[in-house]
Amino acid sequence: MPSHIKLMLSLACLATAACGYIFMVYLGQQGPSYAVAFLGVFATVAMWIFPEVVKKDLKMRPPGS
């Protein structure tokens, strides 16, 4: 995935997590607010660390494999 797309997805993920955190704090839910913040950061870091899965073309296989 191109870096500029990852960057936009990262910003969207962090903005969504921030909104979720603020909403949970507004509701008075302290524990779930920390979970929302952690999962948002974790998802963003994981997107940058782990590579995306790329399928190999099956047509390139030799016959009989």
N, C-alpha and C. Protein backbone atom coordinates (compact mmCIF):
# COMPACT_ATOMS: atom_id res chain seq x y z
N MET A 1 0.85 -1.16 0.00
CA MET A 1 0.00 0.00 0.00
C MET A 1 0.90 1.23 0.00
N PRO A 2 0.60 2.20 -0.84
CA PRO A 2 1.42 3.41 -0.89
C PRO A 2 1.39 4.17 0.44
N SER A 3 2.50 4.84 0.72
CA SER A 3 2.64 5.52 2.00
C SER A 3 1.63 6.65 2.19
N HIS A 4 1.27 7.35 1.12
CA HIS A 4 0.31 8.45 1.28
C HIS A 4 -1.07 7.92 1.65
N ILE A 5 -1.42 6.73 1.19
CA ILE A 5 -2.70 6.14 1.58
C ILE A 5 -2.64 5.66 3.03
N LYS A 6 -1.51 5.05 3.41
CA LYS A 6 -1.34 4.64 4.81
C LYS A 6 -1.42 5.84 5.74
N LEU A 7 -0.83 6.95 5.33
CA LEU A 7 -0.86 8.15 6.15
C LEU A 7 -2.29 8.65 6.34
N MET A 8 -3.07 8.68 5.26
CA MET A 8 -4.46 9.13 5.38
C MET A 8 -5.27 8.17 6.25
N LEU A 9 -5.07 6.87 6.09
CA LEU A 9 -5.77 5.90 6.93
C LEU A 9 -5.35 6.02 8.38
N SER A 10 -4.07 6.28 8.62
CA SER A 10 -3.59 6.46 9.99
C SER A 10 -4.24 7.67 10.65
N LEU A 11 -4.31 8.77 9.93
CA LEU A 11 -4.94 9.97 10.48
C LEU A 11 -6.43 9.74 10.74
N ALA A 12 -7.09 9.04 9.84
CA ALA A 12 -8.51 8.74 10.05
C ALA A 12 -8.71 7.82 11.25
N CYS A 13 -7.85 6.83 11.40
CA CYS A 13 -7.94 5.90 12.52
C CYS A 13 -7.70 6.62 13.84
N LEU A 14 -6.69 7.47 13.89
CA LEU A 14 -6.39 8.21 15.11
C LEU A 14 -7.48 9.24 15.44
N ALA A 15 -8.05 9.87 14.42
CA ALA A 15 -9.14 10.83 14.65
C ALA A 15 -10.38 10.11 15.19
N THR A 16 -10.67 8.94 14.64
CA THR A 16 -11.81 8.16 15.11
C THR A 16 -11.59 7.70 16.55
N ALA A 17 -10.39 7.25 16.85
CA ALA A 17 -10.08 6.83 18.22
C ALA A 17 -10.17 8.01 19.19
N ALA A 18 -9.72 9.17 18.77
CA ALA A 18 -9.80 10.36 19.63
C ALA A 18 -11.25 10.74 19.89
N CYS A 19 -12.07 10.67 18.86
CA CYS A 19 -13.50 10.98 19.04
C CYS A 19 -14.16 9.95 19.96
N GLY A 20 -13.81 8.69 19.79
CA GLY A 20 -14.34 7.65 20.67
C GLY A 20 -13.90 7.84 22.10
N TYR A 21 -12.65 8.23 22.30
CA TYR A 21 -12.13 8.49 23.64
C TYR A 21 -12.89 9.65 24.29
N ILE A 22 -13.06 10.73 23.56
CA ILE A 22 -13.77 11.90 24.09
C ILE A 22 -15.21 11.54 24.43
N PHE A 23 -15.85 10.75 23.58
CA PHE A 23 -17.23 10.34 23.82
C PHE A 23 -17.34 9.48 25.08
N MET A 24 -16.40 8.56 25.25
CA MET A 24 -16.42 7.70 26.44
C MET A 24 -16.18 8.51 27.72
N VAL A 25 -15.28 9.49 27.65
CA VAL A 25 -15.03 10.35 28.81
C VAL A 25 -16.28 11.17 29.11
N TYR A 26 -16.96 11.64 28.06
CA TYR A 26 -18.19 12.40 28.23
C TYR A 26 -19.25 11.55 28.94
N LEU A 27 -19.30 10.26 28.62
CA LEU A 27 -20.26 9.37 29.26
C LEU A 27 -19.84 8.94 30.65
N GLY A 28 -18.61 9.25 31.03
CA GLY A 28 -18.12 8.89 32.35
C GLY A 28 -17.54 7.50 32.44
N GLN A 29 -17.20 6.92 31.31
CA GLN A 29 -16.64 5.56 31.25
C GLN A 29 -15.12 5.67 31.15
N GLN A 30 -14.45 5.59 32.28
CA GLN A 30 -13.00 5.79 32.26
C GLN A 30 -12.26 4.59 31.69
N GLY A 31 -12.60 3.37 32.10
CA GLY A 31 -11.92 2.17 31.62
C GLY A 31 -12.05 1.97 30.12
N PRO A 32 -13.29 1.98 29.59
CA PRO A 32 -13.44 1.83 28.14
C PRO A 32 -12.79 2.94 27.34
N SER A 33 -12.67 4.14 27.91
CA SER A 33 -12.04 5.23 27.17
C SER A 33 -10.56 4.92 26.94
N TYR A 34 -9.90 4.32 27.95
CA TYR A 34 -8.50 3.93 27.78
C TYR A 34 -8.38 2.81 26.74
N ALA A 35 -9.33 1.90 26.72
CA ALA A 35 -9.31 0.81 25.75
C ALA A 35 -9.46 1.34 24.33
N VAL A 36 -10.35 2.29 24.15
CA VAL A 36 -10.54 2.89 22.82
C VAL A 36 -9.27 3.59 22.36
N ALA A 37 -8.65 4.34 23.25
CA ALA A 37 -7.42 5.05 22.90
C ALA A 37 -6.30 4.06 22.56
N PHE A 38 -6.15 3.02 23.38
CA PHE A 38 -5.10 2.03 23.13
C PHE A 38 -5.33 1.30 21.81
N LEU A 39 -6.55 0.87 21.56
CA LEU A 39 -6.82 0.12 20.33
C LEU A 39 -6.64 0.98 19.08
N GLY A 40 -6.95 2.26 19.16
CA GLY A 40 -6.73 3.15 18.02
C GLY A 40 -5.26 3.30 17.70
N VAL A 41 -4.45 3.49 18.73
CA VAL A 41 -3.00 3.60 18.53
C VAL A 41 -2.43 2.27 18.07
N PHE A 42 -2.89 1.17 18.68
CA PHE A 42 -2.40 -0.15 18.30
C PHE A 42 -2.70 -0.47 16.84
N ALA A 43 -3.90 -0.17 16.40
CA ALA A 43 -4.27 -0.43 15.00
C ALA A 43 -3.43 0.38 14.03
N THR A 44 -3.13 1.62 14.40
CA THR A 44 -2.32 2.47 13.53
C THR A 44 -0.88 1.97 13.45
N VAL A 45 -0.31 1.60 14.59
CA VAL A 45 1.06 1.08 14.60
C VAL A 45 1.13 -0.25 13.84
N ALA A 46 0.14 -1.10 14.04
CA ALA A 46 0.13 -2.41 13.36
C ALA A 46 0.05 -2.24 11.85
N MET A 47 -0.67 -1.23 11.39
CA MET A 47 -0.78 -1.02 9.94
C MET A 47 0.58 -0.68 9.34
N TRP A 48 1.43 0.02 10.09
CA TRP A 48 2.75 0.40 9.58
C TRP A 48 3.77 -0.72 9.75
N ILE A 49 3.63 -1.56 10.79
CA ILE A 49 4.63 -2.59 11.06
C ILE A 49 4.45 -3.82 10.18
N PHE A 50 3.22 -4.31 10.10
CA PHE A 50 2.98 -5.56 9.38
C PHE A 50 2.68 -5.29 7.92
N PRO A 51 3.36 -6.00 7.02
CA PRO A 51 3.13 -5.78 5.59
C PRO A 51 1.79 -6.37 5.16
N GLU A 52 1.27 -5.83 4.07
CA GLU A 52 0.01 -6.37 3.56
C GLU A 52 0.29 -7.67 2.81
N VAL A 53 -0.70 -8.51 2.74
CA VAL A 53 -0.56 -9.80 2.08
C VAL A 53 -0.67 -9.59 0.57
N VAL A 54 0.28 -10.15 -0.16
CA VAL A 54 0.28 -10.04 -1.61
C VAL A 54 0.15 -11.45 -2.17
N LYS A 55 -0.86 -11.68 -2.99
CA LYS A 55 -1.06 -12.98 -3.60
C LYS A 55 -0.15 -13.12 -4.81
N LYS A 56 0.47 -14.29 -4.92
CA LYS A 56 1.29 -14.55 -6.09
C LYS A 56 0.39 -15.04 -7.22
N ASP A 57 0.80 -14.74 -8.43
CA ASP A 57 0.02 -15.15 -9.59
C ASP A 57 0.13 -16.67 -9.77
N LEU A 58 -1.00 -17.35 -9.80
CA LEU A 58 -1.00 -18.80 -9.91
C LEU A 58 -0.71 -19.26 -11.34
N LYS A 59 -0.80 -18.38 -12.30
CA LYS A 59 -0.52 -18.76 -13.69
C LYS A 59 0.96 -19.00 -13.94
N MET A 60 1.81 -18.53 -13.08
CA MET A 60 3.25 -18.67 -13.26
C MET A 60 3.77 -20.03 -12.80
N ARG A 61 2.93 -20.85 -12.20
CA ARG A 61 3.36 -22.16 -11.71
C ARG A 61 3.60 -23.11 -12.88
N PRO A 62 4.61 -23.95 -12.74
CA PRO A 62 4.82 -24.96 -13.77
C PRO A 62 3.71 -26.01 -13.72
N PRO A 63 3.42 -26.65 -14.84
CA PRO A 63 2.35 -27.67 -14.86
C PRO A 63 2.68 -28.83 -13.93
N GLY A 64 1.66 -29.34 -13.27
CA GLY A 64 1.83 -30.49 -12.39
C GLY A 64 2.17 -30.12 -10.96
N SER A 65 2.23 -28.85 -10.62
CA SER A 65 2.57 -28.44 -9.26
C SER A 65 1.33 -28.29 -8.44
